[in-house]
Amino acid sequence: MQTERASPPAATTTAPRPGPGPAIYWRHPRWFEAGFWIVFTVLNAIANSQVAQMDIDRAGLGFEAWKPVAWEWTSGIAILALVPAVAWYSRRWPLHWDTLARSLPMHVLGSVLFSLAHVFAMVAMREGVYAARGLDYDFGPWGPSLVYEYLKDARGYLMIVAIVEGYRFVVRRLRGEAMLLAPPDEGEPVEPVDRPERFLVRKLGREFLVAAADIEWLQASGNYVNLRVRGHDYPLRSTIAGIEGRLDPARFVRVHRSWIVNLARVTSIEPLETGDARVHMADGAVVPCSRTFREALRARVGRG
């Protein structure tokens, strides 16, 4: 049985477009991201295969032509499969100056795990290719070979992280990035900054204000919290706990360790057999609600 609530009237403010450029990109960014990495992998594998063959010919090693192709493509496919994990990891441990001391050791560990996963996946695929041709693949002594591969993979890992972080930086600038209002240099603020009623959003050199009442829900994402406003996400540099203390508790409620919702935007609560729940929002989004927060949410919605 669901707890129903009437949908709120439409907000009077108009949110800007997520960013310039083709609208199809902003509707399907994941397809463009996946396409970039696939094209990047294909071009890299083709180029590396040609270079490897040229090195073999110049050294007079006499390897069959299919072998360097198999080596480079199995390596490229293994790395491509690991890109989503690296992207998630870099979001969990972002490389910012203020968090560098904490994040850098984690990325050293990440590069080791990346290399091990790359090597084992690559070797498994090569063994399959060689077996299909009636041959055995010899990776060589595992100790020295793993060190050799790590020296290459560490650079590849760093390149992937740099591309991902650079891409996120550009997207934040195009889409807009939210910030809390700062106290003025002189005089009293015209509105409270400890519990702001509006957030400042900077986008392409312009600034505009977003009313806190227009925020539909908030989601933690690494060192950022995404503010959902009229179908658009604006990342705010904060933790979910940090921003929770600066929101109006009469309007916003925590429903999950990573989610906060605007009570005025909740349309229904769907209980689950696990004791958790799904919170259906006015914009059509479905937000998870953990059992820890479920009863408190039901009580708050019932009072509304």
Protein backbone atom coordinates (compact mmCIF):
# COMPACT_ATOMS: atom_id res chain seq x y z
CA MET A 1 0.00 0.00 0.00
CA GLN A 2 1.37 3.37 -0.97
CA THR A 3 1.18 6.64 0.92
CA GLU A 4 -0.14 9.18 -1.57
CA ARG A 5 0.49 12.89 -1.74
CA ALA A 6 -0.69 15.49 -4.22
CA SER A 7 1.90 16.77 -6.68
CA PRO A 8 3.11 20.33 -6.05
CA PRO A 9 2.32 23.10 -8.48
CA ALA A 10 4.92 23.84 -11.12
CA ALA A 11 7.70 26.19 -10.03
CA THR A 12 7.62 29.70 -11.36
CA THR A 13 11.34 29.84 -12.05
CA THR A 14 12.78 28.48 -15.26
CA ALA A 15 15.96 26.43 -15.13
CA PRO A 16 18.42 26.95 -17.97
CA ARG A 17 19.39 24.27 -20.44
CA PRO A 18 21.97 21.80 -19.10
CA GLY A 19 24.63 23.17 -21.43
CA PRO A 20 25.41 24.30 -24.95
CA GLY A 21 25.83 21.96 -27.87
CA PRO A 22 23.59 19.24 -29.35
CA ALA A 23 20.60 18.42 -27.19
CA ILE A 24 21.02 14.73 -28.02
CA TYR A 25 24.28 14.69 -26.07
CA TRP A 26 22.65 16.03 -22.90
CA ARG A 27 19.87 13.45 -23.24
CA HIS A 28 22.24 10.50 -23.76
CA PRO A 29 25.69 11.41 -22.36
CA ARG A 30 26.50 7.80 -21.44
CA TRP A 31 26.21 6.72 -25.08
CA PHE A 32 28.69 9.39 -26.12
CA GLU A 33 31.05 8.46 -23.32
CA ALA A 34 30.92 4.77 -24.24
CA GLY A 35 31.38 5.67 -27.91
CA PHE A 36 34.46 7.73 -27.13
CA TRP A 37 36.17 4.89 -25.27
CA ILE A 38 35.26 2.32 -27.92
CA VAL A 39 36.64 4.49 -30.74
CA PHE A 40 39.70 5.33 -28.64
CA THR A 41 40.35 1.62 -27.99
CA VAL A 42 39.92 0.63 -31.65
CA LEU A 43 42.22 3.36 -32.95
CA ASN A 44 44.79 2.64 -30.25
CA ALA A 45 44.74 -1.12 -30.96
CA ILE A 46 45.15 -0.55 -34.71
CA ALA A 47 48.05 1.86 -34.22
CA ASN A 48 49.77 -0.33 -31.62
CA SER A 49 49.38 -3.41 -33.81
CA GLN A 50 51.09 -1.62 -36.69
CA VAL A 51 53.91 -0.35 -34.46
CA ALA A 52 54.43 -3.80 -32.95
CA GLN A 53 54.59 -5.37 -36.41
CA MET A 54 57.13 -2.77 -37.55
CA ASP A 55 59.29 -3.47 -34.49
CA ILE A 56 59.08 -7.22 -35.16
CA ASP A 57 60.06 -6.79 -38.80
CA ARG A 58 62.91 -4.45 -37.92
CA ALA A 59 64.26 -6.90 -35.33
CA GLY A 60 63.83 -9.82 -37.69
CA LEU A 61 61.89 -11.87 -35.14
CA GLY A 62 59.66 -13.47 -37.75
CA PHE A 63 56.43 -13.64 -35.71
CA GLU A 64 53.28 -14.41 -37.67
CA ALA A 65 51.28 -11.30 -38.48
CA TRP A 66 48.25 -12.32 -36.42
CA LYS A 67 50.21 -12.48 -33.17
CA PRO A 68 50.89 -8.75 -32.59
CA VAL A 69 47.28 -8.08 -33.59
CA ALA A 70 46.10 -10.58 -30.95
CA TRP A 71 48.42 -9.09 -28.33
CA GLU A 72 47.28 -5.50 -28.83
CA TRP A 73 43.58 -6.20 -29.23
CA THR A 74 43.36 -8.43 -26.16
CA SER A 75 45.15 -5.76 -24.15
CA GLY A 76 42.86 -3.03 -25.50
CA ILE A 77 39.66 -4.99 -24.85
CA ALA A 78 40.78 -5.76 -21.28
CA ILE A 79 41.48 -2.07 -20.62
CA LEU A 80 38.17 -1.03 -22.20
CA ALA A 81 36.32 -3.38 -19.84
CA LEU A 82 38.09 -1.74 -16.88
CA VAL A 83 37.29 1.88 -17.80
CA PRO A 84 33.91 1.95 -15.94
CA ALA A 85 35.62 0.64 -12.80
CA VAL A 86 38.35 3.30 -13.05
CA ALA A 87 35.70 6.00 -13.62
CA TRP A 88 33.82 4.85 -10.51
CA TYR A 89 37.03 4.65 -8.51
CA SER A 90 38.11 8.15 -9.52
CA ARG A 91 34.71 9.47 -8.49
CA ARG A 92 35.07 7.74 -5.13
CA TRP A 93 38.60 9.12 -4.70
CA PRO A 94 38.73 12.36 -6.74
CA LEU A 95 42.12 13.95 -7.32
CA HIS A 96 41.62 17.45 -5.93
CA TRP A 97 44.29 19.52 -4.22
CA ASP A 98 42.46 19.52 -0.90
CA THR A 99 42.05 15.72 -0.91
CA LEU A 100 45.29 14.78 -2.64
CA ALA A 101 47.03 13.44 0.47
CA ARG A 102 44.15 11.03 1.07
CA SER A 103 43.37 10.16 -2.55
CA LEU A 104 46.88 9.65 -3.95
CA PRO A 105 47.70 6.48 -1.94
CA MET A 106 44.32 5.07 -2.97
CA HIS A 107 45.15 5.69 -6.61
CA VAL A 108 48.51 3.96 -6.22
CA LEU A 109 46.56 0.98 -4.92
CA GLY A 110 44.05 1.42 -7.74
CA SER A 111 46.81 1.33 -10.34
CA VAL A 112 48.08 -1.98 -8.93
CA LEU A 113 44.60 -3.52 -8.95
CA PHE A 114 44.04 -2.15 -12.46
CA SER A 115 47.28 -3.73 -13.70
CA LEU A 116 46.52 -7.11 -12.14
CA ALA A 117 43.00 -7.18 -13.59
CA HIS A 118 44.33 -6.08 -16.99
CA VAL A 119 47.05 -8.75 -17.06
CA PHE A 120 44.84 -11.66 -15.99
CA ALA A 121 42.06 -10.72 -18.44
CA MET A 122 44.55 -10.13 -21.24
CA VAL A 123 46.38 -13.43 -20.66
CA ALA A 124 43.09 -15.35 -20.50
CA MET A 125 42.01 -13.94 -23.86
CA ARG A 126 45.38 -14.62 -25.44
CA GLU A 127 45.35 -18.19 -24.23
CA GLY A 128 41.94 -18.58 -25.87
CA VAL A 129 43.14 -17.12 -29.17
CA TYR A 130 46.26 -19.27 -29.18
CA ALA A 131 44.26 -22.40 -28.26
CA ALA A 132 41.95 -21.76 -31.19
CA ARG A 133 45.02 -22.00 -33.42
CA GLY A 134 46.30 -25.11 -31.69
CA LEU A 135 49.09 -23.27 -29.85
CA ASP A 136 50.04 -22.52 -26.25
CA TYR A 137 50.51 -18.95 -25.07
CA ASP A 138 53.51 -18.32 -22.82
CA PHE A 139 53.26 -15.13 -20.73
CA GLY A 140 56.75 -15.67 -19.36
CA PRO A 141 57.99 -15.59 -15.75
CA TRP A 142 55.10 -14.11 -13.79
CA GLY A 143 57.14 -12.01 -11.36
CA PRO A 144 59.23 -10.00 -13.86
CA SER A 145 56.35 -9.96 -16.35
CA LEU A 146 53.94 -8.46 -13.81
CA VAL A 147 56.46 -5.73 -12.93
CA TYR A 148 56.99 -4.99 -16.62
CA GLU A 149 53.25 -4.79 -17.27
CA TYR A 150 52.68 -2.60 -14.19
CA LEU A 151 55.19 -0.04 -15.41
CA LYS A 152 53.10 0.30 -18.57
CA ASP A 153 49.72 -0.04 -16.90
CA ALA A 154 50.43 2.64 -14.31
CA ARG A 155 50.79 5.18 -17.11
CA GLY A 156 47.63 3.86 -18.78
CA TYR A 157 45.72 4.10 -15.51
CA LEU A 158 46.90 7.67 -14.99
CA MET A 159 45.87 8.57 -18.55
CA ILE A 160 42.36 7.16 -18.04
CA VAL A 161 41.95 9.05 -14.74
CA ALA A 162 43.20 12.26 -16.37
CA ILE A 163 40.74 11.90 -19.27
CA VAL A 164 37.84 11.12 -16.94
CA GLU A 165 38.61 13.99 -14.55
CA GLY A 166 39.17 16.42 -17.43
CA TYR A 167 35.89 15.40 -19.02
CA ARG A 168 34.02 15.85 -15.74
CA PHE A 169 35.58 19.27 -15.25
CA VAL A 170 34.41 20.41 -18.71
CA VAL A 171 30.92 18.98 -18.23
CA ARG A 172 30.57 20.72 -14.85
CA ARG A 173 31.52 24.03 -16.44
CA LEU A 174 29.09 23.56 -19.34
CA ARG A 175 26.23 22.24 -17.25
CA GLY A 176 26.73 24.56 -14.31
CA GLU A 177 28.18 24.01 -10.86
CA ALA A 178 26.39 25.01 -7.67
CA MET A 179 28.01 26.80 -4.76
CA LEU A 180 26.83 27.99 -1.38
CA LEU A 181 26.39 31.71 -0.95
CA ALA A 182 29.40 33.20 0.81
CA PRO A 183 29.21 35.93 3.49
CA PRO A 184 29.80 39.43 2.08
CA ASP A 185 33.15 41.10 2.65
CA GLU A 186 31.44 43.95 4.47
CA GLY A 187 28.15 44.29 6.29
CA GLU A 188 25.47 41.75 7.13
CA PRO A 189 24.29 39.23 4.52
CA VAL A 190 20.91 40.00 2.98
CA GLU A 191 19.89 36.37 3.59
CA PRO A 192 21.24 33.64 5.90
CA VAL A 193 24.28 31.78 4.59
CA ASP A 194 24.29 29.08 7.28
CA ARG A 195 20.92 27.82 5.98
CA PRO A 196 20.67 29.39 2.52
CA GLU A 197 17.38 29.88 0.74
CA ARG A 198 19.21 30.08 -2.59
CA PHE A 199 22.28 28.53 -4.19
CA LEU A 200 24.65 30.20 -6.60
CA VAL A 201 25.22 28.40 -9.91
CA ARG A 202 28.09 29.33 -12.20
CA LYS A 203 27.89 28.32 -15.82
CA LEU A 204 30.02 29.45 -18.75
CA GLY A 205 31.11 32.63 -16.95
CA ARG A 206 27.58 33.55 -15.89
CA GLU A 207 26.00 33.32 -12.46
CA PHE A 208 22.39 32.77 -11.44
CA LEU A 209 20.53 31.80 -8.30
CA VAL A 210 18.57 28.60 -7.69
CA ALA A 211 15.95 28.66 -4.95
CA ALA A 212 16.36 25.90 -2.35
CA ALA A 213 12.62 25.23 -2.64
CA ASP A 214 13.15 24.29 -6.31
CA ILE A 215 15.57 21.48 -5.43
CA GLU A 216 13.72 18.21 -5.93
CA TRP A 217 16.31 15.85 -4.48
CA LEU A 218 20.01 15.61 -3.71
CA GLN A 219 22.35 12.68 -4.35
CA ALA A 220 25.88 12.13 -3.04
CA SER A 221 28.47 11.54 -5.76
CA GLY A 222 32.01 11.25 -4.45
CA ASN A 223 33.10 14.62 -3.10
CA TYR A 224 30.07 16.26 -4.72
CA VAL A 225 26.35 16.35 -4.08
CA ASN A 226 24.18 16.66 -7.18
CA LEU A 227 21.26 19.08 -6.79
CA ARG A 228 18.31 18.08 -8.99
CA VAL A 229 16.48 21.19 -10.20
CA ARG A 230 13.76 21.04 -12.88
CA GLY A 231 15.33 18.05 -14.62
CA HIS A 232 18.95 19.28 -14.42
CA ASP A 233 21.78 18.26 -12.10
CA TYR A 234 24.11 20.83 -10.57
CA PRO A 235 27.08 19.42 -8.62
CA LEU A 236 27.85 21.09 -5.30
CA ARG A 237 31.24 20.53 -3.68
CA SER A 238 30.12 19.06 -0.36
CA THR A 239 29.35 15.85 1.47
CA ILE A 240 25.76 14.75 1.88
CA ALA A 241 26.05 15.13 5.66
CA GLY A 242 27.54 18.60 5.28
CA ILE A 243 24.74 19.89 3.07
CA GLU A 244 22.02 18.18 5.14
CA GLY A 245 22.83 20.42 8.09
CA ARG A 246 22.38 23.52 5.93
CA LEU A 247 18.98 22.61 4.50
CA ASP A 248 15.63 23.50 6.05
CA PRO A 249 14.60 20.38 8.05
CA ALA A 250 10.95 21.32 7.60
CA ARG A 251 11.37 20.95 3.83
CA PHE A 252 14.12 18.36 3.27
CA VAL A 253 14.52 14.89 4.77
CA ARG A 254 17.26 12.27 4.53
CA VAL A 255 15.97 8.99 3.07
CA HIS A 256 19.26 7.19 2.42
CA ARG A 257 22.91 7.63 3.25
CA SER A 258 23.33 9.09 -0.25
CA TRP A 259 19.94 10.78 -0.83
CA ILE A 260 17.88 13.70 0.48
CA VAL A 261 14.44 14.58 -0.88
CA ASN A 262 12.27 17.66 -0.88
CA LEU A 263 9.08 16.62 0.94
CA ALA A 264 6.98 18.87 -1.29
CA ARG A 265 8.15 16.85 -4.32
CA VAL A 266 7.31 13.39 -2.92
CA THR A 267 4.27 11.84 -4.60
CA SER A 268 4.26 8.36 -3.05
CA ILE A 269 6.22 5.86 -0.97
CA GLU A 270 6.38 2.26 -2.16
CA PRO A 271 7.26 -0.22 0.61
CA LEU A 272 9.48 -3.18 -0.29
CA GLU A 273 9.59 -6.63 1.25
CA THR A 274 13.17 -6.02 2.38
CA GLY A 275 12.02 -3.25 4.70
CA ASP A 276 13.37 -0.57 2.41
CA ALA A 277 11.19 1.59 0.16
CA ARG A 278 11.11 3.47 -3.11
CA VAL A 279 10.26 7.16 -3.03
CA HIS A 280 8.45 8.34 -6.15
CA MET A 281 9.11 11.98 -6.95
CA ALA A 282 7.03 14.52 -8.85
CA ASP A 283 9.58 14.62 -11.69
CA GLY A 284 9.23 10.86 -12.24
CA ALA A 285 12.44 9.92 -10.46
CA VAL A 286 12.51 6.96 -8.09
CA VAL A 287 14.75 7.51 -5.06
CA PRO A 288 15.82 4.66 -2.74
CA CYS A 289 14.81 4.86 0.90
CA SER A 290 16.62 2.61 3.38
CA ARG A 291 14.78 1.02 6.27
CA THR A 292 16.69 3.27 8.68
CA PHE A 293 14.87 6.34 7.34
CA ARG A 294 11.60 4.79 6.13
CA GLU A 295 9.38 5.32 9.17
CA ALA A 296 10.62 8.85 9.74
CA LEU A 297 9.81 9.66 6.11
CA ARG A 298 6.31 8.16 6.36
CA ALA A 299 5.66 10.22 9.48
CA ARG A 300 6.86 13.42 7.82
CA VAL A 301 4.80 12.82 4.67
CA GLY A 302 1.74 11.96 6.78
CA ARG A 303 2.05 15.23 8.67
CA GLY A 304 2.22 17.10 5.34
